[in-house]
């Protein structure tokens, strides 16, 4: 129980720290607001596409897994 609380605290702290860093980075960016927003939007889109690809790959693995288990069990 104590370990899960510590892990939650650590993860929460990392998230807050990351968001604070991003906010400060955007505030003090040397580029104009529009350029910064466009650059940020492109990066977020790129990250989202990568996550989507990984999720699709995991989905295919999970869909195929019952067949593999059935074959392994001698079905």
N, C-alpha and C. Protein backbone atom coordinates (compact mmCIF):
# COMPACT_ATOMS: atom_id res chain seq x y z
N UNK A 1 0.82 -1.19 0.00
CA UNK A 1 0.00 0.00 0.00
C UNK A 1 0.87 1.26 0.00
N UNK A 2 1.90 1.24 0.84
CA UNK A 2 2.78 2.40 0.94
C UNK A 2 3.54 2.60 -0.37
N UNK A 3 3.95 1.49 -1.01
CA UNK A 3 4.68 1.60 -2.27
C UNK A 3 3.84 2.23 -3.36
N UNK A 4 2.55 1.89 -3.42
CA UNK A 4 1.70 2.47 -4.45
C UNK A 4 1.49 3.96 -4.21
N UNK A 5 1.44 4.38 -2.94
CA UNK A 5 1.32 5.81 -2.65
C UNK A 5 2.58 6.55 -3.07
N UNK A 6 3.74 5.94 -2.79
CA UNK A 6 5.01 6.56 -3.19
C UNK A 6 5.10 6.66 -4.70
N UNK A 7 4.70 5.60 -5.39
CA UNK A 7 4.76 5.60 -6.85
C UNK A 7 3.82 6.66 -7.41
N UNK A 8 2.62 6.76 -6.86
CA UNK A 8 1.66 7.78 -7.30
C UNK A 8 2.22 9.18 -7.08
N UNK A 9 2.86 9.39 -5.95
CA UNK A 9 3.45 10.70 -5.66
C UNK A 9 4.56 11.02 -6.65
N UNK A 10 5.40 10.05 -6.93
CA UNK A 10 6.51 10.26 -7.87
C UNK A 10 5.99 10.57 -9.26
N UNK A 11 5.02 9.79 -9.72
CA UNK A 11 4.46 10.02 -11.06
C UNK A 11 3.78 11.38 -11.12
N UNK A 12 3.01 11.72 -10.09
CA UNK A 12 2.36 13.03 -10.04
C UNK A 12 3.37 14.16 -10.07
N UNK A 13 4.44 14.01 -9.32
CA UNK A 13 5.49 15.03 -9.29
C UNK A 13 6.15 15.19 -10.66
N UNK A 14 6.40 14.08 -11.33
CA UNK A 14 7.00 14.14 -12.66
C UNK A 14 6.08 14.84 -13.65
N UNK A 15 4.80 14.54 -13.58
CA UNK A 15 3.83 15.17 -14.49
C UNK A 15 3.78 16.68 -14.23
N UNK A 16 3.67 17.07 -12.97
CA UNK A 16 3.62 18.50 -12.64
C UNK A 16 4.91 19.20 -13.06
N UNK A 17 6.04 18.58 -12.81
CA UNK A 17 7.32 19.16 -13.21
C UNK A 17 7.44 19.32 -14.71
N UNK A 18 6.99 18.30 -15.44
CA UNK A 18 7.05 18.36 -16.90
C UNK A 18 6.16 19.47 -17.43
N UNK A 19 4.92 19.55 -16.93
CA UNK A 19 4.01 20.60 -17.38
C UNK A 19 4.52 21.99 -17.04
N UNK A 20 5.14 22.13 -15.87
CA UNK A 20 5.73 23.42 -15.49
C UNK A 20 6.87 23.78 -16.43
N UNK A 21 7.71 22.82 -16.74
CA UNK A 21 8.81 23.06 -17.66
C UNK A 21 8.34 23.45 -19.05
N UNK A 22 7.32 22.78 -19.53
CA UNK A 22 6.77 23.11 -20.85
C UNK A 22 6.20 24.53 -20.85
N UNK A 23 5.44 24.84 -19.81
CA UNK A 23 4.84 26.18 -19.73
C UNK A 23 5.91 27.26 -19.69
N UNK A 24 6.94 27.06 -18.89
CA UNK A 24 8.02 28.06 -18.81
C UNK A 24 8.78 28.14 -20.13
N UNK A 25 8.97 27.00 -20.78
CA UNK A 25 9.65 27.00 -22.07
C UNK A 25 8.89 27.79 -23.12
N UNK A 26 7.57 27.63 -23.12
CA UNK A 26 6.75 28.38 -24.08
C UNK A 26 6.75 29.87 -23.74
N UNK A 27 6.68 30.19 -22.45
CA UNK A 27 6.67 31.60 -22.04
C UNK A 27 7.94 32.34 -22.45
N UNK A 28 9.07 31.67 -22.31
CA UNK A 28 10.35 32.32 -22.58
C UNK A 28 10.94 31.92 -23.93
N UNK A 29 10.12 31.41 -24.82
CA UNK A 29 10.61 30.98 -26.14
C UNK A 29 11.05 32.21 -26.94
N UNK A 30 12.13 32.07 -27.71
CA UNK A 30 12.63 33.20 -28.49
C UNK A 30 11.80 33.48 -29.75
N UNK A 31 10.91 32.58 -30.13
CA UNK A 31 10.11 32.77 -31.34
C UNK A 31 8.80 33.48 -31.01
N UNK A 32 8.15 33.96 -32.07
CA UNK A 32 6.84 34.58 -31.91
C UNK A 32 5.83 33.51 -31.51
N UNK A 33 4.76 33.93 -30.90
CA UNK A 33 3.73 33.02 -30.42
C UNK A 33 3.18 32.09 -31.49
N UNK A 34 2.88 32.63 -32.66
CA UNK A 34 2.30 31.81 -33.74
C UNK A 34 3.28 30.72 -34.18
N UNK A 35 4.55 31.08 -34.34
CA UNK A 35 5.54 30.09 -34.75
C UNK A 35 5.72 29.01 -33.68
N UNK A 36 5.72 29.44 -32.43
CA UNK A 36 5.86 28.48 -31.33
C UNK A 36 4.67 27.54 -31.28
N UNK A 37 3.46 28.09 -31.42
CA UNK A 37 2.26 27.24 -31.40
C UNK A 37 2.24 26.27 -32.57
N UNK A 38 2.63 26.73 -33.76
CA UNK A 38 2.66 25.83 -34.92
C UNK A 38 3.68 24.72 -34.73
N UNK A 39 4.84 25.08 -34.23
CA UNK A 39 5.89 24.09 -33.98
C UNK A 39 5.43 23.07 -32.93
N UNK A 40 4.82 23.57 -31.87
CA UNK A 40 4.31 22.71 -30.82
C UNK A 40 3.21 21.79 -31.36
N UNK A 41 2.32 22.34 -32.17
CA UNK A 41 1.23 21.54 -32.75
C UNK A 41 1.78 20.43 -33.64
N UNK A 42 2.80 20.72 -34.43
CA UNK A 42 3.42 19.69 -35.27
C UNK A 42 4.04 18.59 -34.44
N UNK A 43 4.73 18.97 -33.37
CA UNK A 43 5.35 17.96 -32.50
C UNK A 43 4.31 17.10 -31.80
N UNK A 44 3.25 17.74 -31.30
CA UNK A 44 2.19 16.98 -30.64
C UNK A 44 1.54 16.02 -31.62
N UNK A 45 1.30 16.49 -32.85
CA UNK A 45 0.71 15.63 -33.88
C UNK A 45 1.62 14.43 -34.18
N UNK A 46 2.90 14.69 -34.26
CA UNK A 46 3.87 13.62 -34.53
C UNK A 46 3.87 12.60 -33.39
N UNK A 47 3.86 13.07 -32.17
CA UNK A 47 3.82 12.17 -31.00
C UNK A 47 2.53 11.38 -31.00
N UNK A 48 1.40 12.05 -31.30
CA UNK A 48 0.10 11.37 -31.32
C UNK A 48 0.08 10.28 -32.39
N UNK A 49 0.67 10.54 -33.54
CA UNK A 49 0.73 9.53 -34.60
C UNK A 49 1.55 8.33 -34.14
N UNK A 50 2.66 8.58 -33.45
CA UNK A 50 3.48 7.49 -32.94
C UNK A 50 2.73 6.65 -31.93
N UNK A 51 2.00 7.31 -31.03
CA UNK A 51 1.21 6.58 -30.04
C UNK A 51 0.13 5.77 -30.74
N UNK A 52 -0.51 6.36 -31.75
CA UNK A 52 -1.56 5.65 -32.48
C UNK A 52 -1.00 4.39 -33.15
N UNK A 53 0.20 4.50 -33.76
CA UNK A 53 0.82 3.33 -34.39
C UNK A 53 1.10 2.24 -33.37
N UNK A 54 1.63 2.64 -32.20
CA UNK A 54 1.93 1.66 -31.16
C UNK A 54 0.65 0.99 -30.64
N UNK A 55 -0.40 1.77 -30.47
CA UNK A 55 -1.67 1.22 -29.99
C UNK A 55 -2.25 0.24 -31.00
N UNK A 56 -2.15 0.57 -32.29
CA UNK A 56 -2.64 -0.34 -33.32
C UNK A 56 -1.85 -1.64 -33.34
N UNK A 57 -0.54 -1.54 -33.15
CA UNK A 57 0.29 -2.74 -33.10
C UNK A 57 -0.09 -3.61 -31.90
N UNK A 58 -0.29 -2.99 -30.75
CA UNK A 58 -0.69 -3.74 -29.56
C UNK A 58 -2.08 -4.36 -29.74
N UNK A 59 -2.96 -3.65 -30.42
CA UNK A 59 -4.29 -4.17 -30.68
C UNK A 59 -4.20 -5.45 -31.51
N UNK A 60 -3.35 -5.42 -32.54
CA UNK A 60 -3.18 -6.62 -33.39
C UNK A 60 -2.64 -7.78 -32.58
N UNK A 61 -1.71 -7.51 -31.67
CA UNK A 61 -1.15 -8.57 -30.82
C UNK A 61 -2.24 -9.16 -29.93
N UNK A 62 -3.05 -8.30 -29.32
CA UNK A 62 -4.11 -8.77 -28.43
C UNK A 62 -5.19 -9.53 -29.19
N UNK A 63 -5.47 -9.11 -30.41
CA UNK A 63 -6.48 -9.82 -31.21
C UNK A 63 -5.98 -11.21 -31.59
N UNK A 64 -4.69 -11.32 -31.92
CA UNK A 64 -4.11 -12.60 -32.33
C UNK A 64 -3.84 -13.52 -31.15
N UNK A 65 -3.73 -12.98 -29.97
CA UNK A 65 -3.35 -13.76 -28.80
C UNK A 65 -4.32 -14.91 -28.47
N UNK A 66 -5.63 -14.71 -28.50
CA UNK A 66 -6.52 -15.84 -28.18
C UNK A 66 -6.32 -17.03 -29.12
N UNK A 67 -6.07 -16.78 -30.40
CA UNK A 67 -5.82 -17.87 -31.34
C UNK A 67 -4.55 -18.63 -30.97
N UNK A 68 -3.51 -17.90 -30.59
CA UNK A 68 -2.26 -18.54 -30.22
C UNK A 68 -2.45 -19.39 -28.95
N UNK A 69 -3.20 -18.88 -28.00
CA UNK A 69 -3.45 -19.63 -26.77
C UNK A 69 -4.28 -20.88 -27.07
N UNK A 70 -5.24 -20.75 -27.96
CA UNK A 70 -6.07 -21.89 -28.33
C UNK A 70 -5.21 -22.97 -29.00
N UNK A 71 -4.33 -22.54 -29.92
CA UNK A 71 -3.44 -23.50 -30.59
C UNK A 71 -2.48 -24.12 -29.59
N UNK A 72 -1.96 -23.33 -28.65
CA UNK A 72 -1.02 -23.83 -27.65
C UNK A 72 -1.69 -24.88 -26.75
N UNK A 73 -2.96 -24.67 -26.45
CA UNK A 73 -3.68 -25.59 -25.56
C UNK A 73 -4.11 -26.87 -26.29
N UNK A 74 -3.83 -26.94 -27.57
CA UNK A 74 -4.15 -28.14 -28.33
C UNK A 74 -5.54 -28.13 -28.92
N UNK A 75 -6.08 -26.95 -29.09
CA UNK A 75 -7.45 -26.81 -29.59
C UNK A 75 -7.54 -26.94 -31.02
